Amino acid sequence: MSKPKDVDAYIAEQAEEARPILEELREIIKSTIPQVEEEILWDYPFYKYHGILAGITAYKKHVSFQIADSLQSVDRKTLGEKGYTLGEKRIQIKFDQKVPTTTIKQILKAQAKINEAKER
């Protein structure tokens, strides 16, 4: 895989099953935090709002949504009960799972507030 020049190129290079999830996550991020800046960092799509907000990455069998700080316990509980695999800052969305839109929007809004507070 080549080094992507932008997010469109990154998504276009991914497996067919990953592309719709990546596009959906991208749209959720951009619509939830309209002032977000999109760029490629470390060869992956990242979104900045008063610092790094979130990132998305495609893998062989899933797509990951990463947040800058740790996932909150309430989000962990909700996502865990729905069968998502979680890391400290990451949600794995398998190709056969729906994107947890509502929870991701909540996570993004909370992270945006954290980022804003860090700048004060």
N, C-alpha and C. Protein backbone atom coordinates (compact mmCIF):
# COMPACT_ATOMS: atom_id res chain seq x y z
N MET A 1 0.83 -1.17 0.00
CA MET A 1 0.00 0.00 0.00
C MET A 1 0.89 1.25 0.00
N SER A 2 0.54 2.22 -0.83
CA SER A 2 1.33 3.44 -0.91
C SER A 2 0.97 4.40 0.21
N LYS A 3 1.80 5.41 0.40
CA LYS A 3 1.55 6.42 1.42
C LYS A 3 0.44 7.34 0.89
N PRO A 4 -0.70 7.41 1.57
CA PRO A 4 -1.81 8.21 1.05
C PRO A 4 -1.54 9.71 1.15
N LYS A 5 -1.96 10.45 0.11
CA LYS A 5 -1.77 11.89 0.10
C LYS A 5 -2.89 12.62 0.82
N ASP A 6 -4.06 11.98 0.90
CA ASP A 6 -5.19 12.57 1.62
C ASP A 6 -6.16 11.46 2.04
N VAL A 7 -7.22 11.83 2.73
CA VAL A 7 -8.16 10.84 3.27
C VAL A 7 -8.90 10.12 2.15
N ASP A 8 -9.25 10.82 1.10
CA ASP A 8 -9.90 10.15 -0.03
C ASP A 8 -9.02 9.03 -0.58
N ALA A 9 -7.73 9.29 -0.75
CA ALA A 9 -6.80 8.28 -1.25
C ALA A 9 -6.68 7.13 -0.26
N TYR A 10 -6.62 7.44 1.04
CA TYR A 10 -6.53 6.38 2.06
C TYR A 10 -7.74 5.45 1.95
N ILE A 11 -8.92 6.01 1.92
CA ILE A 11 -10.14 5.19 1.88
C ILE A 11 -10.19 4.38 0.59
N ALA A 12 -9.82 4.98 -0.53
CA ALA A 12 -9.85 4.29 -1.82
C ALA A 12 -8.94 3.06 -1.85
N GLU A 13 -7.85 3.09 -1.07
CA GLU A 13 -6.89 1.98 -1.05
C GLU A 13 -7.31 0.83 -0.13
N GLN A 14 -8.36 1.00 0.65
CA GLN A 14 -8.73 -0.01 1.63
C GLN A 14 -9.64 -1.08 1.03
N ALA A 15 -9.79 -2.18 1.76
CA ALA A 15 -10.65 -3.29 1.32
C ALA A 15 -12.08 -2.78 1.12
N GLU A 16 -12.76 -3.39 0.20
CA GLU A 16 -14.13 -3.00 -0.15
C GLU A 16 -15.04 -2.97 1.08
N GLU A 17 -14.87 -3.94 1.99
CA GLU A 17 -15.72 -4.01 3.19
C GLU A 17 -15.45 -2.86 4.15
N ALA A 18 -14.23 -2.34 4.13
CA ALA A 18 -13.85 -1.27 5.06
C ALA A 18 -14.32 0.11 4.60
N ARG A 19 -14.39 0.32 3.30
CA ARG A 19 -14.68 1.66 2.77
C ARG A 19 -15.97 2.29 3.28
N PRO A 20 -17.11 1.56 3.27
CA PRO A 20 -18.34 2.22 3.76
C PRO A 20 -18.26 2.61 5.24
N ILE A 21 -17.58 1.81 6.03
CA ILE A 21 -17.44 2.12 7.46
C ILE A 21 -16.55 3.36 7.63
N LEU A 22 -15.45 3.41 6.90
CA LEU A 22 -14.57 4.57 6.96
C LEU A 22 -15.30 5.84 6.53
N GLU A 23 -16.06 5.75 5.45
CA GLU A 23 -16.83 6.91 4.97
C GLU A 23 -17.87 7.35 6.01
N GLU A 24 -18.53 6.39 6.62
CA GLU A 24 -19.53 6.71 7.63
C GLU A 24 -18.90 7.39 8.85
N LEU A 25 -17.78 6.85 9.31
CA LEU A 25 -17.08 7.46 10.44
C LEU A 25 -16.60 8.87 10.09
N ARG A 26 -16.08 9.02 8.90
CA ARG A 26 -15.62 10.34 8.44
C ARG A 26 -16.77 11.35 8.48
N GLU A 27 -17.92 10.95 7.98
CA GLU A 27 -19.08 11.84 7.95
C GLU A 27 -19.57 12.16 9.37
N ILE A 28 -19.57 11.16 10.24
CA ILE A 28 -19.97 11.39 11.64
C ILE A 28 -19.05 12.41 12.29
N ILE A 29 -17.75 12.25 12.11
CA ILE A 29 -16.78 13.17 12.71
C ILE A 29 -16.99 14.58 12.18
N LYS A 30 -17.09 14.72 10.86
CA LYS A 30 -17.20 16.05 10.25
C LYS A 30 -18.54 16.72 10.56
N SER A 31 -19.59 15.95 10.69
CA SER A 31 -20.89 16.56 10.98
C SER A 31 -21.06 16.87 12.47
N THR A 32 -20.41 16.10 13.33
CA THR A 32 -20.51 16.32 14.77
C THR A 32 -19.66 17.52 15.21
N ILE A 33 -18.48 17.64 14.64
CA ILE A 33 -17.57 18.75 14.96
C ILE A 33 -17.24 19.44 13.63
N PRO A 34 -18.12 20.35 13.17
CA PRO A 34 -17.94 20.95 11.84
C PRO A 34 -16.61 21.69 11.63
N GLN A 35 -15.98 22.17 12.69
CA GLN A 35 -14.72 22.91 12.56
C GLN A 35 -13.50 21.99 12.50
N VAL A 36 -13.71 20.69 12.50
CA VAL A 36 -12.61 19.73 12.52
C VAL A 36 -11.75 19.86 11.26
N GLU A 37 -10.46 19.65 11.46
CA GLU A 37 -9.51 19.63 10.34
C GLU A 37 -9.12 18.19 10.08
N GLU A 38 -9.13 17.81 8.82
CA GLU A 38 -8.85 16.43 8.42
C GLU A 38 -7.47 16.38 7.77
N GLU A 39 -6.66 15.40 8.17
CA GLU A 39 -5.36 15.23 7.55
C GLU A 39 -4.83 13.81 7.74
N ILE A 40 -3.77 13.51 7.04
CA ILE A 40 -3.10 12.22 7.20
C ILE A 40 -1.91 12.42 8.14
N LEU A 41 -1.90 11.67 9.23
CA LEU A 41 -0.78 11.65 10.18
C LEU A 41 -0.39 10.19 10.38
N TRP A 42 0.88 9.91 10.40
CA TRP A 42 1.36 8.53 10.60
C TRP A 42 0.68 7.57 9.61
N ASP A 43 0.41 8.05 8.41
CA ASP A 43 -0.19 7.28 7.30
C ASP A 43 -1.66 6.94 7.50
N TYR A 44 -2.34 7.57 8.45
CA TYR A 44 -3.76 7.30 8.71
C TYR A 44 -4.54 8.61 8.80
N PRO A 45 -5.86 8.56 8.55
CA PRO A 45 -6.68 9.76 8.71
C PRO A 45 -6.83 10.15 10.18
N PHE A 46 -6.54 11.41 10.45
CA PHE A 46 -6.73 11.98 11.78
C PHE A 46 -7.53 13.25 11.65
N TYR A 47 -8.19 13.58 12.73
CA TYR A 47 -9.05 14.76 12.78
C TYR A 47 -8.61 15.60 13.96
N LYS A 48 -8.40 16.90 13.69
CA LYS A 48 -7.91 17.81 14.72
C LYS A 48 -8.98 18.87 15.04
N TYR A 49 -9.10 19.12 16.32
CA TYR A 49 -9.92 20.21 16.82
C TYR A 49 -9.30 20.61 18.14
N HIS A 50 -8.59 21.73 18.15
CA HIS A 50 -7.83 22.15 19.33
C HIS A 50 -6.89 21.01 19.78
N GLY A 51 -6.22 20.42 18.83
CA GLY A 51 -5.36 19.26 19.08
C GLY A 51 -5.98 18.03 18.42
N ILE A 52 -5.35 16.90 18.57
CA ILE A 52 -5.88 15.68 17.97
C ILE A 52 -7.19 15.30 18.64
N LEU A 53 -8.19 15.05 17.82
CA LEU A 53 -9.52 14.68 18.29
C LEU A 53 -9.72 13.17 18.15
N ALA A 54 -9.55 12.68 16.91
CA ALA A 54 -9.84 11.27 16.64
C ALA A 54 -9.10 10.82 15.39
N GLY A 55 -9.11 9.50 15.18
CA GLY A 55 -8.52 8.92 13.98
C GLY A 55 -9.29 7.69 13.56
N ILE A 56 -9.14 7.32 12.29
CA ILE A 56 -9.78 6.11 11.78
C ILE A 56 -8.74 5.29 11.02
N THR A 57 -8.83 3.99 11.15
CA THR A 57 -7.85 3.10 10.55
C THR A 57 -8.53 1.81 10.09
N ALA A 58 -8.17 1.34 8.90
CA ALA A 58 -8.71 0.07 8.40
C ALA A 58 -7.71 -1.05 8.65
N TYR A 59 -8.24 -2.21 9.03
CA TYR A 59 -7.45 -3.41 9.23
C TYR A 59 -8.06 -4.54 8.39
N LYS A 60 -7.52 -5.72 8.52
CA LYS A 60 -7.96 -6.85 7.71
C LYS A 60 -9.43 -7.23 7.92
N LYS A 61 -9.90 -7.19 9.18
CA LYS A 61 -11.26 -7.64 9.48
C LYS A 61 -12.10 -6.61 10.22
N HIS A 62 -11.56 -5.41 10.40
CA HIS A 62 -12.31 -4.37 11.12
C HIS A 62 -11.76 -2.99 10.81
N VAL A 63 -12.49 -1.99 11.25
CA VAL A 63 -12.06 -0.61 11.20
C VAL A 63 -11.96 -0.14 12.64
N SER A 64 -10.97 0.66 12.96
CA SER A 64 -10.83 1.21 14.30
C SER A 64 -11.13 2.70 14.29
N PHE A 65 -11.84 3.11 15.31
CA PHE A 65 -12.07 4.52 15.59
C PHE A 65 -11.30 4.80 16.88
N GLN A 66 -10.35 5.75 16.82
CA GLN A 66 -9.54 6.07 17.99
C GLN A 66 -9.87 7.48 18.45
N ILE A 67 -9.89 7.67 19.73
CA ILE A 67 -10.11 8.98 20.33
C ILE A 67 -8.81 9.41 21.00
N ALA A 68 -8.59 10.70 21.15
CA ALA A 68 -7.32 11.19 21.70
C ALA A 68 -7.10 10.79 23.15
N ASP A 69 -8.14 10.87 23.97
CA ASP A 69 -8.02 10.47 25.38
C ASP A 69 -8.73 9.14 25.59
N SER A 70 -8.71 8.64 26.78
CA SER A 70 -9.34 7.34 27.08
C SER A 70 -10.86 7.38 26.93
N LEU A 71 -11.41 6.25 26.53
CA LEU A 71 -12.87 6.11 26.48
C LEU A 71 -13.42 6.17 27.90
N GLN A 72 -14.53 6.84 28.06
CA GLN A 72 -15.18 6.95 29.37
C GLN A 72 -15.85 5.63 29.74
N SER A 73 -15.99 5.35 31.02
CA SER A 73 -16.55 4.08 31.47
C SER A 73 -17.98 3.87 30.99
N VAL A 74 -18.78 4.93 30.92
CA VAL A 74 -20.16 4.78 30.45
C VAL A 74 -20.18 4.35 28.98
N ASP A 75 -19.27 4.90 28.17
CA ASP A 75 -19.19 4.50 26.76
C ASP A 75 -18.67 3.07 26.64
N ARG A 76 -17.71 2.72 27.47
CA ARG A 76 -17.17 1.34 27.46
C ARG A 76 -18.27 0.34 27.76
N LYS A 77 -19.08 0.65 28.76
CA LYS A 77 -20.16 -0.25 29.16
C LYS A 77 -21.16 -0.43 28.01
N THR A 78 -21.60 0.69 27.43
CA THR A 78 -22.57 0.66 26.33
C THR A 78 -22.03 -0.12 25.15
N LEU A 79 -20.81 0.18 24.75
CA LEU A 79 -20.21 -0.48 23.58
C LEU A 79 -19.91 -1.95 23.85
N GLY A 80 -19.41 -2.24 25.05
CA GLY A 80 -19.12 -3.63 25.42
C GLY A 80 -20.36 -4.50 25.39
N GLU A 81 -21.47 -3.96 25.90
CA GLU A 81 -22.73 -4.71 25.89
C GLU A 81 -23.23 -4.98 24.47
N LYS A 82 -22.82 -4.14 23.53
CA LYS A 82 -23.24 -4.31 22.13
C LYS A 82 -22.26 -5.16 21.33
N GLY A 83 -21.21 -5.65 21.99
CA GLY A 83 -20.30 -6.58 21.34
C GLY A 83 -19.10 -5.99 20.63
N TYR A 84 -18.81 -4.72 20.87
CA TYR A 84 -17.64 -4.11 20.24
C TYR A 84 -16.39 -4.43 21.06
N THR A 85 -15.29 -4.66 20.38
CA THR A 85 -14.01 -4.87 21.03
C THR A 85 -13.41 -3.49 21.29
N LEU A 86 -12.92 -3.29 22.50
CA LEU A 86 -12.43 -1.97 22.90
C LEU A 86 -10.99 -2.03 23.37
N GLY A 87 -10.28 -0.94 23.09
CA GLY A 87 -8.97 -0.71 23.67
C GLY A 87 -9.10 0.49 24.58
N GLU A 88 -8.00 0.96 25.12
CA GLU A 88 -8.07 2.11 26.02
C GLU A 88 -8.69 3.33 25.33
N LYS A 89 -8.31 3.54 24.06
CA LYS A 89 -8.78 4.70 23.31
C LYS A 89 -9.45 4.31 21.99
N ARG A 90 -9.79 3.06 21.82
CA ARG A 90 -10.17 2.56 20.50
C ARG A 90 -11.43 1.70 20.54
N ILE A 91 -12.21 1.83 19.47
CA ILE A 91 -13.37 0.97 19.25
C ILE A 91 -13.11 0.22 17.95
N GLN A 92 -13.16 -1.10 18.00
CA GLN A 92 -13.05 -1.90 16.77
C GLN A 92 -14.45 -2.15 16.24
N ILE A 93 -14.64 -1.85 14.96
CA ILE A 93 -15.93 -2.09 14.31
C ILE A 93 -15.69 -3.14 13.24
N LYS A 94 -16.16 -4.35 13.51
CA LYS A 94 -16.00 -5.44 12.54
C LYS A 94 -16.88 -5.14 11.33
N PHE A 95 -16.51 -5.72 10.20
CA PHE A 95 -17.23 -5.44 8.97
C PHE A 95 -18.71 -5.81 9.03
N ASP A 96 -19.07 -6.73 9.91
CA ASP A 96 -20.49 -7.12 10.01
C ASP A 96 -21.24 -6.38 11.13
N GLN A 97 -20.58 -5.39 11.75
CA GLN A 97 -21.22 -4.61 12.82
C GLN A 97 -21.64 -3.24 12.29
N LYS A 98 -22.70 -2.71 12.89
CA LYS A 98 -23.13 -1.36 12.56
C LYS A 98 -22.24 -0.37 13.29
N VAL A 99 -22.05 0.78 12.69
CA VAL A 99 -21.29 1.84 13.35
C VAL A 99 -22.16 2.39 14.49
N PRO A 100 -21.62 2.44 15.71
CA PRO A 100 -22.40 2.95 16.86
C PRO A 100 -22.45 4.49 16.84
N THR A 101 -23.22 5.01 15.91
CA THR A 101 -23.25 6.44 15.62
C THR A 101 -23.51 7.31 16.85
N THR A 102 -24.55 7.02 17.59
CA THR A 102 -24.92 7.86 18.74
C THR A 102 -23.80 7.93 19.76
N THR A 103 -23.21 6.79 20.08
CA THR A 103 -22.13 6.75 21.06
C THR A 103 -20.89 7.49 20.54
N ILE A 104 -20.57 7.31 19.27
CA ILE A 104 -19.41 7.99 18.71
C ILE A 104 -19.60 9.51 18.73
N LYS A 105 -20.81 9.96 18.44
CA LYS A 105 -21.08 11.41 18.51
C LYS A 105 -20.86 11.93 19.93
N GLN A 106 -21.34 11.18 20.92
CA GLN A 106 -21.15 11.58 22.32
C GLN A 106 -19.66 11.63 22.67
N ILE A 107 -18.92 10.63 22.22
CA ILE A 107 -17.48 10.56 22.49
C ILE A 107 -16.78 11.76 21.85
N LEU A 108 -17.13 12.08 20.61
CA LEU A 108 -16.51 13.20 19.92
C LEU A 108 -16.79 14.54 20.62
N LYS A 109 -18.03 14.73 21.03
CA LYS A 109 -18.39 15.98 21.72
C LYS A 109 -17.63 16.11 23.04
N ALA A 110 -17.52 15.01 23.76
CA ALA A 110 -16.79 15.03 25.03
C ALA A 110 -15.31 15.31 24.80
N GLN A 111 -14.72 14.69 23.77
CA GLN A 111 -13.30 14.91 23.48
C GLN A 111 -13.08 16.35 23.02
N ALA A 112 -14.00 16.90 22.26
CA ALA A 112 -13.87 18.29 21.81
C ALA A 112 -13.83 19.23 23.01
N LYS A 113 -14.67 18.98 24.01
CA LYS A 113 -14.67 19.81 25.22
C LYS A 113 -13.36 19.66 25.99
N ILE A 114 -12.84 18.44 26.06
CA ILE A 114 -11.55 18.20 26.72
C ILE A 114 -10.46 18.99 26.00
N ASN A 115 -10.46 18.91 24.67
CA ASN A 115 -9.44 19.61 23.88
C ASN A 115 -9.53 21.12 24.07
N GLU A 116 -10.75 21.65 24.08
CA GLU A 116 -10.94 23.08 24.29
C GLU A 116 -10.41 23.50 25.66
N ALA A 117 -10.70 22.71 26.68
CA ALA A 117 -10.25 23.02 28.04
C ALA A 117 -8.73 22.99 28.16
N LYS A 118 -8.07 22.11 27.42
CA LYS A 118 -6.61 22.02 27.46
C LYS A 118 -5.95 23.28 26.91
N GLU A 119 -6.64 23.98 26.02
CA GLU A 119 -6.07 25.18 25.42
C GLU A 119 -6.21 26.41 26.31
N ARG A 120 -7.03 26.35 27.31
CA ARG A 120 -7.25 27.54 28.16
C ARG A 120 -6.12 27.75 29.14
